Amino acid sequence: MDGWQVWDLVGRLGGQLRVIPGAVLGWDMGAALALAAALGIDTLIAAELLPEIEAVMVRKLNEQMEGGRDG
């Protein structure tokens, strides 16, 4: 169940992105963990899973942004 709750949390983190012009850096993890706690999600599990998901998200978003510059 915890994994699904974290996945739901990921869907809510769109407004918590840290960005610089031309690149996504990641999520504001302080805000992400605060949101997890507010939603009753085990913050230890969130802290374990979110960085792995964040790394994939950052890579994919930055790849999409790079593709948009070329095309």
N, C-alpha and C. Protein backbone atom coordinates (compact mmCIF):
# COMPACT_ATOMS: atom_id res chain seq x y z
N MET A 1 0.82 -1.20 0.00
CA MET A 1 0.00 0.00 0.00
C MET A 1 0.86 1.26 0.00
N ASP A 2 1.96 1.25 0.75
CA ASP A 2 2.79 2.45 0.85
C ASP A 2 3.33 2.89 -0.50
N GLY A 3 3.72 1.94 -1.34
CA GLY A 3 4.23 2.28 -2.66
C GLY A 3 3.20 3.03 -3.48
N TRP A 4 1.95 2.60 -3.43
CA TRP A 4 0.88 3.28 -4.17
C TRP A 4 0.64 4.67 -3.61
N GLN A 5 0.76 4.82 -2.30
CA GLN A 5 0.58 6.14 -1.70
C GLN A 5 1.69 7.09 -2.15
N VAL A 6 2.91 6.58 -2.23
CA VAL A 6 4.02 7.42 -2.70
C VAL A 6 3.80 7.78 -4.16
N TRP A 7 3.32 6.83 -4.96
CA TRP A 7 3.06 7.11 -6.37
C TRP A 7 2.00 8.20 -6.50
N ASP A 8 0.96 8.16 -5.67
CA ASP A 8 -0.06 9.20 -5.65
C ASP A 8 0.58 10.54 -5.27
N LEU A 9 1.47 10.52 -4.30
CA LEU A 9 2.19 11.73 -3.88
C LEU A 9 2.97 12.32 -5.06
N VAL A 10 3.62 11.48 -5.83
CA VAL A 10 4.38 11.94 -7.00
C VAL A 10 3.49 12.75 -7.94
N GLY A 11 2.28 12.28 -8.13
CA GLY A 11 1.34 13.00 -9.00
C GLY A 11 0.95 14.37 -8.47
N ARG A 12 1.15 14.59 -7.20
CA ARG A 12 0.79 15.87 -6.58
C ARG A 12 1.96 16.85 -6.49
N LEU A 13 3.13 16.43 -6.92
CA LEU A 13 4.33 17.25 -6.73
C LEU A 13 4.67 18.16 -7.90
N GLY A 14 3.80 18.23 -8.89
CA GLY A 14 4.09 19.06 -10.06
C GLY A 14 4.40 20.51 -9.73
N GLY A 15 3.79 21.04 -8.73
CA GLY A 15 4.04 22.43 -8.35
C GLY A 15 5.25 22.61 -7.46
N GLN A 16 5.93 21.52 -7.15
CA GLN A 16 7.08 21.59 -6.24
C GLN A 16 8.41 21.40 -6.97
N LEU A 17 8.42 21.67 -8.27
CA LEU A 17 9.65 21.50 -9.04
C LEU A 17 10.63 22.63 -8.77
N ARG A 18 11.90 22.27 -8.68
CA ARG A 18 12.98 23.26 -8.62
C ARG A 18 13.54 23.33 -10.04
N VAL A 19 13.51 24.51 -10.62
CA VAL A 19 13.95 24.68 -12.00
C VAL A 19 14.88 25.89 -12.12
N ILE A 20 15.71 25.84 -13.14
CA ILE A 20 16.50 26.97 -13.57
C ILE A 20 16.19 27.14 -15.05
N PRO A 21 16.49 28.27 -15.63
CA PRO A 21 16.19 28.42 -17.07
C PRO A 21 16.83 27.28 -17.88
N GLY A 22 15.98 26.53 -18.54
CA GLY A 22 16.44 25.46 -19.41
C GLY A 22 16.64 24.10 -18.78
N ALA A 23 16.39 23.97 -17.47
CA ALA A 23 16.61 22.66 -16.84
C ALA A 23 15.74 22.49 -15.60
N VAL A 24 15.34 21.25 -15.39
CA VAL A 24 14.65 20.85 -14.17
C VAL A 24 15.69 20.26 -13.24
N LEU A 25 15.74 20.71 -11.99
CA LEU A 25 16.71 20.21 -11.02
C LEU A 25 16.15 19.09 -10.16
N GLY A 26 14.87 19.16 -9.86
CA GLY A 26 14.25 18.14 -9.02
C GLY A 26 13.08 18.72 -8.25
N TRP A 27 12.62 17.95 -7.28
CA TRP A 27 11.53 18.41 -6.42
C TRP A 27 12.10 19.12 -5.20
N ASP A 28 11.29 19.97 -4.62
CA ASP A 28 11.60 20.53 -3.30
C ASP A 28 11.27 19.41 -2.31
N MET A 29 12.31 18.70 -1.87
CA MET A 29 12.08 17.52 -1.03
C MET A 29 11.50 17.87 0.33
N GLY A 30 11.82 19.05 0.85
CA GLY A 30 11.20 19.47 2.11
C GLY A 30 9.69 19.57 1.97
N ALA A 31 9.26 20.19 0.88
CA ALA A 31 7.82 20.31 0.61
C ALA A 31 7.22 18.93 0.33
N ALA A 32 7.95 18.10 -0.39
CA ALA A 32 7.44 16.76 -0.72
C ALA A 32 7.21 15.93 0.54
N LEU A 33 8.16 15.98 1.45
CA LEU A 33 8.02 15.20 2.69
C LEU A 33 6.96 15.81 3.61
N ALA A 34 6.82 17.12 3.59
CA ALA A 34 5.75 17.76 4.37
C ALA A 34 4.39 17.35 3.83
N LEU A 35 4.26 17.30 2.50
CA LEU A 35 3.01 16.86 1.89
C LEU A 35 2.73 15.40 2.22
N ALA A 36 3.78 14.58 2.17
CA ALA A 36 3.62 13.16 2.53
C ALA A 36 3.07 13.04 3.96
N ALA A 37 3.67 13.78 4.88
CA ALA A 37 3.22 13.73 6.27
C ALA A 37 1.77 14.19 6.39
N ALA A 38 1.42 15.26 5.69
CA ALA A 38 0.06 15.78 5.75
C ALA A 38 -0.95 14.79 5.20
N LEU A 39 -0.52 13.98 4.22
CA LEU A 39 -1.41 12.98 3.64
C LEU A 39 -1.41 11.66 4.41
N GLY A 40 -0.61 11.59 5.46
CA GLY A 40 -0.54 10.38 6.27
C GLY A 40 0.32 9.29 5.67
N ILE A 41 1.21 9.66 4.76
CA ILE A 41 2.12 8.70 4.14
C ILE A 41 3.36 8.60 5.01
N ASP A 42 3.84 7.39 5.21
CA ASP A 42 5.04 7.15 6.01
C ASP A 42 6.19 7.92 5.38
N THR A 43 6.73 8.92 6.09
CA THR A 43 7.76 9.77 5.51
C THR A 43 9.08 9.02 5.32
N LEU A 44 9.34 7.99 6.09
CA LEU A 44 10.55 7.19 5.89
C LEU A 44 10.49 6.49 4.54
N ILE A 45 9.33 5.93 4.22
CA ILE A 45 9.17 5.26 2.93
C ILE A 45 9.24 6.28 1.80
N ALA A 46 8.60 7.44 1.98
CA ALA A 46 8.66 8.49 0.97
C ALA A 46 10.11 8.94 0.76
N ALA A 47 10.86 9.09 1.84
CA ALA A 47 12.26 9.52 1.73
C ALA A 47 13.11 8.48 1.02
N GLU A 48 12.75 7.23 1.13
CA GLU A 48 13.48 6.16 0.44
C GLU A 48 13.13 6.11 -1.05
N LEU A 49 11.86 6.30 -1.39
CA LEU A 49 11.41 6.10 -2.77
C LEU A 49 11.49 7.36 -3.64
N LEU A 50 11.20 8.52 -3.07
CA LEU A 50 11.13 9.73 -3.89
C LEU A 50 12.42 10.07 -4.64
N PRO A 51 13.60 9.96 -4.03
CA PRO A 51 14.81 10.29 -4.80
C PRO A 51 15.02 9.42 -6.04
N GLU A 52 14.65 8.16 -5.97
CA GLU A 52 14.77 7.27 -7.13
C GLU A 52 13.81 7.71 -8.24
N ILE A 53 12.58 8.03 -7.86
CA ILE A 53 11.59 8.49 -8.83
C ILE A 53 11.99 9.85 -9.38
N GLU A 54 12.49 10.71 -8.50
CA GLU A 54 12.91 12.05 -8.90
C GLU A 54 14.00 11.99 -9.96
N ALA A 55 14.96 11.10 -9.81
CA ALA A 55 16.06 11.00 -10.76
C ALA A 55 15.56 10.67 -12.17
N VAL A 56 14.60 9.77 -12.26
CA VAL A 56 14.03 9.40 -13.56
C VAL A 56 13.23 10.57 -14.13
N MET A 57 12.43 11.21 -13.27
CA MET A 57 11.62 12.34 -13.71
C MET A 57 12.50 13.47 -14.25
N VAL A 58 13.57 13.80 -13.53
CA VAL A 58 14.46 14.88 -13.96
C VAL A 58 15.10 14.54 -15.30
N ARG A 59 15.59 13.32 -15.42
CA ARG A 59 16.23 12.91 -16.67
C ARG A 59 15.26 13.01 -17.84
N LYS A 60 14.05 12.48 -17.68
CA LYS A 60 13.07 12.48 -18.76
C LYS A 60 12.60 13.90 -19.13
N LEU A 61 12.33 14.73 -18.14
CA LEU A 61 11.89 16.10 -18.43
C LEU A 61 12.99 16.89 -19.14
N ASN A 62 14.23 16.72 -18.69
CA ASN A 62 15.32 17.44 -19.33
C ASN A 62 15.57 16.92 -20.75
N GLU A 63 15.38 15.62 -20.97
CA GLU A 63 15.49 15.08 -22.33
C GLU A 63 14.40 15.68 -23.23
N GLN A 64 13.20 15.79 -22.70
CA GLN A 64 12.11 16.39 -23.48
C GLN A 64 12.40 17.85 -23.80
N MET A 65 12.95 18.56 -22.84
CA MET A 65 13.28 19.97 -23.08
C MET A 65 14.39 20.08 -24.13
N GLU A 66 15.36 19.22 -24.08
CA GLU A 66 16.45 19.21 -25.07
C GLU A 66 15.89 18.92 -26.46
N GLY A 67 14.98 17.96 -26.55
CA GLY A 67 14.36 17.63 -27.83
C GLY A 67 13.57 18.79 -28.40
N GLY A 68 12.94 19.57 -27.55
CA GLY A 68 12.18 20.72 -28.00
C GLY A 68 13.05 21.82 -28.55
N ARG A 69 14.27 21.91 -28.06
CA ARG A 69 15.20 22.93 -28.56
C ARG A 69 15.74 22.57 -29.93
N ASP A 70 15.89 21.26 -30.18
CA ASP A 70 16.45 20.81 -31.46
C ASP A 70 15.44 20.85 -32.58
N GLY A 71 14.15 20.64 -32.22
CA GLY A 71 13.12 20.52 -33.26
C GLY A 71 12.43 21.79 -33.44
